[in-house]
Structures are given as C-alpha cells and as structure tokens.
N, C-alpha and C. Protein backbone atom coordinates (compact mmCIF):
# COMPACT_ATOMS: atom_id res chain seq x y z
N MET A 1 -41.61 -16.56 18.84
CA MET A 1 -40.68 -15.71 19.52
C MET A 1 -39.32 -16.40 19.69
N LYS A 2 -39.33 -17.71 20.05
CA LYS A 2 -38.08 -18.42 20.22
C LYS A 2 -37.30 -18.48 18.91
N THR A 3 -38.00 -18.60 17.80
CA THR A 3 -37.34 -18.63 16.50
C THR A 3 -36.63 -17.31 16.23
N GLY A 4 -37.27 -16.20 16.57
CA GLY A 4 -36.68 -14.88 16.36
C GLY A 4 -35.42 -14.69 17.19
N ILE A 5 -35.45 -15.14 18.45
CA ILE A 5 -34.29 -15.01 19.33
C ILE A 5 -33.16 -15.90 18.82
N ALA A 6 -33.50 -17.11 18.40
CA ALA A 6 -32.48 -18.02 17.86
C ALA A 6 -31.84 -17.43 16.62
N ALA A 7 -32.63 -16.81 15.77
CA ALA A 7 -32.10 -16.22 14.55
C ALA A 7 -31.15 -15.07 14.87
N VAL A 8 -31.52 -14.24 15.85
CA VAL A 8 -30.65 -13.13 16.26
C VAL A 8 -29.36 -13.68 16.84
N GLY A 9 -29.46 -14.70 17.70
CA GLY A 9 -28.28 -15.32 18.29
C GLY A 9 -27.38 -15.92 17.23
N LEU A 10 -27.97 -16.58 16.25
CA LEU A 10 -27.19 -17.18 15.16
C LEU A 10 -26.50 -16.09 14.35
N ALA A 11 -27.22 -15.02 14.04
CA ALA A 11 -26.64 -13.92 13.27
C ALA A 11 -25.50 -13.27 14.06
N ALA A 12 -25.71 -13.07 15.36
CA ALA A 12 -24.66 -12.47 16.19
C ALA A 12 -23.45 -13.38 16.25
N GLY A 13 -23.66 -14.67 16.34
CA GLY A 13 -22.56 -15.63 16.35
C GLY A 13 -21.77 -15.58 15.07
N MET A 14 -22.44 -15.40 13.95
CA MET A 14 -21.74 -15.33 12.67
C MET A 14 -20.90 -14.06 12.59
N LEU A 15 -21.37 -12.99 13.19
CA LEU A 15 -20.60 -11.75 13.16
C LEU A 15 -19.35 -11.84 14.02
N LEU A 16 -19.40 -12.64 15.08
CA LEU A 16 -18.26 -12.76 15.97
C LEU A 16 -17.24 -13.77 15.50
N THR A 17 -17.60 -14.59 14.52
CA THR A 17 -16.67 -15.59 14.01
C THR A 17 -15.64 -14.90 13.13
N PRO A 18 -14.36 -15.02 13.44
CA PRO A 18 -13.35 -14.36 12.62
C PRO A 18 -13.26 -14.98 11.23
N MET A 19 -13.09 -14.13 10.26
CA MET A 19 -12.93 -14.59 8.88
C MET A 19 -11.45 -14.78 8.61
N PRO A 20 -11.10 -15.82 7.87
CA PRO A 20 -9.68 -16.02 7.57
C PRO A 20 -9.16 -14.91 6.67
N ALA A 21 -7.96 -14.46 6.94
CA ALA A 21 -7.34 -13.42 6.12
C ALA A 21 -6.77 -14.07 4.87
N SER A 22 -6.82 -13.36 3.78
CA SER A 22 -6.23 -13.88 2.55
C SER A 22 -5.38 -12.79 1.92
N ALA A 23 -4.25 -13.16 1.38
CA ALA A 23 -3.36 -12.21 0.72
C ALA A 23 -3.48 -12.44 -0.78
N THR A 24 -4.29 -11.63 -1.41
CA THR A 24 -4.46 -11.74 -2.85
C THR A 24 -3.54 -10.76 -3.55
N SER A 25 -3.30 -10.97 -4.79
CA SER A 25 -2.44 -10.08 -5.56
C SER A 25 -2.99 -8.66 -5.51
N GLY A 26 -2.13 -7.72 -5.16
CA GLY A 26 -2.54 -6.33 -5.12
C GLY A 26 -3.14 -5.89 -3.80
N ASP A 27 -3.13 -6.73 -2.78
CA ASP A 27 -3.68 -6.39 -1.48
C ASP A 27 -2.76 -5.37 -0.80
N VAL A 28 -3.32 -4.26 -0.30
CA VAL A 28 -2.49 -3.22 0.29
C VAL A 28 -2.65 -3.11 1.80
N ALA A 29 -3.32 -4.04 2.41
CA ALA A 29 -3.46 -3.99 3.87
C ALA A 29 -2.07 -4.15 4.50
N ALA A 30 -1.92 -3.65 5.71
CA ALA A 30 -0.63 -3.77 6.39
C ALA A 30 -0.44 -5.22 6.81
N MET A 31 -0.03 -6.03 5.87
CA MET A 31 0.07 -7.46 6.10
C MET A 31 1.50 -7.93 6.25
N GLY A 32 2.46 -7.10 5.92
CA GLY A 32 3.80 -7.60 6.00
C GLY A 32 4.86 -6.54 5.91
N CYS A 33 6.00 -6.92 6.41
CA CYS A 33 7.18 -6.08 6.35
C CYS A 33 8.30 -6.91 5.77
N GLN A 34 9.33 -6.26 5.29
CA GLN A 34 10.50 -6.97 4.78
C GLN A 34 11.75 -6.16 5.07
N THR A 35 12.88 -6.75 4.82
CA THR A 35 14.14 -6.08 5.16
C THR A 35 14.46 -4.92 4.24
N THR A 36 14.01 -4.96 2.97
CA THR A 36 14.29 -3.84 2.07
C THR A 36 13.22 -2.75 2.23
N SER A 37 13.62 -1.52 2.03
CA SER A 37 12.71 -0.38 2.16
C SER A 37 12.52 0.32 0.83
N ALA A 38 11.33 0.89 0.65
CA ALA A 38 11.09 1.84 -0.43
C ALA A 38 11.59 3.18 0.09
N VAL A 39 12.26 3.95 -0.78
CA VAL A 39 12.86 5.22 -0.35
C VAL A 39 12.45 6.34 -1.29
N LEU A 40 12.00 7.43 -0.70
CA LEU A 40 11.64 8.64 -1.43
C LEU A 40 12.63 9.72 -1.00
N THR A 41 13.29 10.37 -1.96
CA THR A 41 14.26 11.42 -1.64
C THR A 41 13.57 12.77 -1.82
N TYR A 42 13.55 13.57 -0.75
CA TYR A 42 12.88 14.87 -0.77
C TYR A 42 13.74 15.90 -1.50
N THR A 43 13.08 16.85 -2.14
CA THR A 43 13.75 17.95 -2.83
C THR A 43 14.57 18.79 -1.85
N SER A 44 14.06 19.00 -0.67
CA SER A 44 14.73 19.83 0.34
C SER A 44 15.81 19.08 1.11
N GLY A 45 16.06 17.83 0.72
CA GLY A 45 17.04 17.01 1.43
C GLY A 45 16.33 16.03 2.36
N GLY A 46 17.00 14.99 2.69
CA GLY A 46 16.40 13.98 3.56
C GLY A 46 15.62 12.95 2.76
N THR A 47 15.21 11.92 3.45
CA THR A 47 14.48 10.84 2.79
C THR A 47 13.33 10.36 3.65
N TRP A 48 12.39 9.71 3.01
CA TRP A 48 11.31 8.97 3.64
C TRP A 48 11.55 7.51 3.26
N SER A 49 11.41 6.60 4.18
CA SER A 49 11.54 5.19 3.83
C SER A 49 10.60 4.35 4.68
N ARG A 50 10.07 3.29 4.08
CA ARG A 50 9.19 2.36 4.78
C ARG A 50 9.51 0.95 4.33
N ASN A 51 9.33 0.01 5.25
CA ASN A 51 9.56 -1.39 4.90
C ASN A 51 8.36 -2.27 5.24
N CYS A 52 7.18 -1.67 5.41
CA CYS A 52 5.94 -2.41 5.64
C CYS A 52 4.88 -1.96 4.64
N SER A 53 4.01 -2.89 4.25
CA SER A 53 2.98 -2.57 3.27
C SER A 53 1.97 -1.58 3.84
N GLY A 54 1.29 -0.86 2.93
CA GLY A 54 0.27 0.10 3.32
C GLY A 54 0.30 1.31 2.42
N THR A 55 -0.59 2.25 2.69
CA THR A 55 -0.64 3.52 1.96
C THR A 55 -0.22 4.61 2.91
N TYR A 56 0.75 5.40 2.49
CA TYR A 56 1.34 6.43 3.33
C TYR A 56 1.14 7.80 2.70
N SER A 57 0.59 8.76 3.45
CA SER A 57 0.44 10.14 2.98
C SER A 57 1.80 10.82 3.06
N ILE A 58 2.14 11.59 2.02
CA ILE A 58 3.44 12.25 1.98
C ILE A 58 3.28 13.77 1.99
N GLY A 59 2.77 14.35 0.91
CA GLY A 59 2.55 15.79 0.85
C GLY A 59 3.81 16.63 0.80
N ARG A 60 4.88 16.10 0.19
CA ARG A 60 6.14 16.84 0.08
C ARG A 60 6.72 16.66 -1.32
N SER A 61 7.51 17.64 -1.73
CA SER A 61 8.17 17.59 -3.02
C SER A 61 9.33 16.59 -2.96
N ALA A 62 9.44 15.78 -4.00
CA ALA A 62 10.48 14.75 -4.03
C ALA A 62 11.17 14.73 -5.38
N THR A 63 12.42 14.26 -5.37
CA THR A 63 13.20 14.18 -6.60
C THR A 63 13.32 12.76 -7.14
N ARG A 64 13.26 11.76 -6.26
CA ARG A 64 13.52 10.38 -6.70
C ARG A 64 12.79 9.39 -5.81
N PHE A 65 12.41 8.26 -6.43
CA PHE A 65 11.81 7.15 -5.71
C PHE A 65 12.54 5.86 -6.06
N SER A 66 12.85 5.05 -5.06
CA SER A 66 13.46 3.74 -5.25
C SER A 66 12.58 2.71 -4.55
N ALA A 67 12.15 1.70 -5.29
CA ALA A 67 11.17 0.75 -4.78
C ALA A 67 11.71 -0.26 -3.78
N GLY A 68 13.02 -0.51 -3.77
CA GLY A 68 13.51 -1.60 -2.95
C GLY A 68 12.85 -2.89 -3.43
N GLY A 69 12.46 -3.76 -2.55
CA GLY A 69 11.81 -5.01 -2.93
C GLY A 69 10.30 -4.92 -2.98
N TRP A 70 9.76 -3.74 -3.23
CA TRP A 70 8.32 -3.52 -3.19
C TRP A 70 7.71 -3.27 -4.56
N SER A 71 6.41 -3.51 -4.68
CA SER A 71 5.63 -3.05 -5.83
C SER A 71 4.48 -2.23 -5.28
N GLY A 72 3.92 -1.37 -6.12
CA GLY A 72 2.84 -0.50 -5.69
C GLY A 72 2.74 0.69 -6.62
N TYR A 73 2.42 1.86 -6.06
CA TYR A 73 2.36 3.08 -6.88
C TYR A 73 2.61 4.33 -6.04
N VAL A 74 3.12 5.34 -6.74
CA VAL A 74 3.36 6.66 -6.15
C VAL A 74 2.35 7.60 -6.78
N THR A 75 1.64 8.36 -5.96
CA THR A 75 0.65 9.31 -6.46
C THR A 75 1.26 10.70 -6.47
N TYR A 76 1.31 11.29 -7.69
CA TYR A 76 1.79 12.66 -7.82
C TYR A 76 1.25 13.26 -9.10
N PRO A 77 0.84 14.55 -9.05
CA PRO A 77 0.13 15.17 -10.17
C PRO A 77 0.94 15.33 -11.45
N ALA A 78 2.26 15.34 -11.37
CA ALA A 78 3.07 15.53 -12.58
C ALA A 78 3.05 14.31 -13.50
N TRP A 79 2.69 13.14 -12.98
CA TRP A 79 2.62 11.94 -13.82
C TRP A 79 1.31 11.98 -14.59
N PRO A 80 1.30 11.58 -15.88
CA PRO A 80 0.12 11.74 -16.73
C PRO A 80 -1.22 11.29 -16.14
N ASP A 81 -1.32 10.15 -15.49
CA ASP A 81 -2.62 9.73 -14.94
C ASP A 81 -2.69 9.92 -13.42
N GLY A 82 -1.72 10.63 -12.84
CA GLY A 82 -1.75 10.96 -11.43
C GLY A 82 -1.06 9.97 -10.51
N HIS A 83 -0.80 8.76 -10.99
CA HIS A 83 -0.04 7.82 -10.17
C HIS A 83 0.82 6.94 -11.06
N ARG A 84 2.00 6.65 -10.56
CA ARG A 84 2.96 5.85 -11.32
C ARG A 84 3.16 4.50 -10.62
N GLU A 85 2.91 3.45 -11.35
CA GLU A 85 3.07 2.10 -10.83
C GLU A 85 4.54 1.70 -10.88
N PHE A 86 4.93 0.85 -9.93
CA PHE A 86 6.31 0.37 -9.92
C PHE A 86 6.34 -1.10 -9.48
N CYS A 87 7.44 -1.75 -9.82
CA CYS A 87 7.67 -3.14 -9.43
C CYS A 87 9.00 -3.20 -8.67
N ASP A 88 9.29 -4.36 -8.12
CA ASP A 88 10.49 -4.57 -7.32
C ASP A 88 11.74 -3.96 -7.94
N PHE A 89 12.48 -3.24 -7.14
CA PHE A 89 13.81 -2.70 -7.45
C PHE A 89 13.84 -1.66 -8.57
N GLN A 90 12.69 -1.11 -8.96
CA GLN A 90 12.69 -0.01 -9.92
C GLN A 90 12.99 1.29 -9.19
N SER A 91 13.53 2.26 -9.91
CA SER A 91 13.68 3.59 -9.36
C SER A 91 13.48 4.59 -10.49
N PHE A 92 13.03 5.78 -10.13
CA PHE A 92 12.75 6.80 -11.14
C PHE A 92 12.76 8.19 -10.52
N SER A 93 12.96 9.19 -11.39
CA SER A 93 12.92 10.60 -10.98
C SER A 93 11.48 11.05 -10.86
N ILE A 94 11.25 12.01 -9.96
CA ILE A 94 9.89 12.51 -9.77
C ILE A 94 9.81 14.00 -10.09
N GLY A 95 10.45 14.88 -9.31
CA GLY A 95 10.41 16.32 -9.57
C GLY A 95 9.05 16.93 -9.37
N SER A 96 8.31 16.49 -8.36
CA SER A 96 6.96 16.98 -8.10
C SER A 96 6.59 16.68 -6.65
N THR A 97 5.50 17.26 -6.20
CA THR A 97 4.99 16.94 -4.87
C THR A 97 4.33 15.56 -4.92
N VAL A 98 4.72 14.71 -4.00
CA VAL A 98 4.15 13.37 -3.91
C VAL A 98 3.01 13.41 -2.90
N THR A 99 1.86 12.94 -3.32
CA THR A 99 0.69 12.90 -2.45
C THR A 99 0.74 11.70 -1.52
N SER A 100 1.04 10.51 -2.09
CA SER A 100 1.09 9.30 -1.28
C SER A 100 1.93 8.23 -1.96
N VAL A 101 2.30 7.23 -1.17
CA VAL A 101 3.00 6.05 -1.67
C VAL A 101 2.24 4.84 -1.15
N THR A 102 1.93 3.90 -2.04
CA THR A 102 1.27 2.66 -1.65
C THR A 102 2.20 1.50 -1.93
N LEU A 103 2.47 0.72 -0.89
CA LEU A 103 3.31 -0.47 -0.99
C LEU A 103 2.41 -1.69 -0.82
N TYR A 104 2.41 -2.55 -1.83
CA TYR A 104 1.54 -3.73 -1.81
C TYR A 104 2.12 -4.84 -0.94
N ALA A 105 1.25 -5.55 -0.25
CA ALA A 105 1.68 -6.67 0.59
C ALA A 105 2.12 -7.86 -0.25
N THR A 106 1.60 -7.96 -1.46
CA THR A 106 1.97 -9.02 -2.39
C THR A 106 2.32 -8.37 -3.71
N LYS A 107 2.87 -9.12 -4.63
CA LYS A 107 3.25 -8.56 -5.92
C LYS A 107 2.05 -7.92 -6.62
N ALA A 108 2.23 -6.71 -7.12
CA ALA A 108 1.16 -6.00 -7.82
C ALA A 108 0.79 -6.74 -9.09
N PRO A 109 -0.47 -6.69 -9.51
CA PRO A 109 -0.92 -7.43 -10.67
C PRO A 109 -0.24 -7.03 -11.98
N TRP A 110 0.30 -5.83 -12.06
CA TRP A 110 0.96 -5.40 -13.31
C TRP A 110 2.43 -5.80 -13.39
N CYS A 111 2.95 -6.37 -12.33
CA CYS A 111 4.37 -6.77 -12.32
C CYS A 111 4.54 -8.19 -12.85
N PRO A 112 5.65 -8.42 -13.58
CA PRO A 112 5.87 -9.76 -14.12
C PRO A 112 6.21 -10.78 -13.04
C-alpha cells in the first residue's frame, strides 16, 4: 500500500513540475510581440493589425496583406491550397474573405 501511495505522490509531483518552454521554428504560441505589425486591409475600408504571435480569426473580405516583420500564413479559400505562406516584410493582394491569420513566434520553416 505504501508503494502505491508513493507512486501516486511521485506521479502527482511530476505533473506539478513546470516544463521549460522552448521556441522552435514554426511555433505559433503567443510567445512574443514586436514593434512591427502585420496588417490586413479590409475591402470595406479599415484595417486589422497585430504585433504579437498567434492565430487570429478574421472572417472578413480583404484586399491586401502586409507581413511587417512576421512570418506565418493567411488562410483564405481563393488561394489554391487554402492558405498562403509569407515571410518577413512580404505583402500581397488577396481579394477574398480571409478566414484567419497566423503569426509565428519564430521564423517559419519555409523562410530563408
């Protein structure tokens, strides 16, 4: 019985021990912010902009995307595979409803 209690206590202790965070290439957790923002220009006017990593739901028609100092991808059905990857300081026309924008906390694996 003591062995069983010790094992449960040991297992519980391991669950409470914090694991070190690691920032690997392509990690999209909200791990960082920077001074430059990614900007999406809406078809109806106005803009969306963010300067912290993460995945953001959009659900609006947009005409243009500018990456700022970010890499990641924009999800929209008009692009052949449904999402368009981007690297730092790229910009491109969209002309479609954007489902989401993902900004990577570190450089995306497809970027040089």
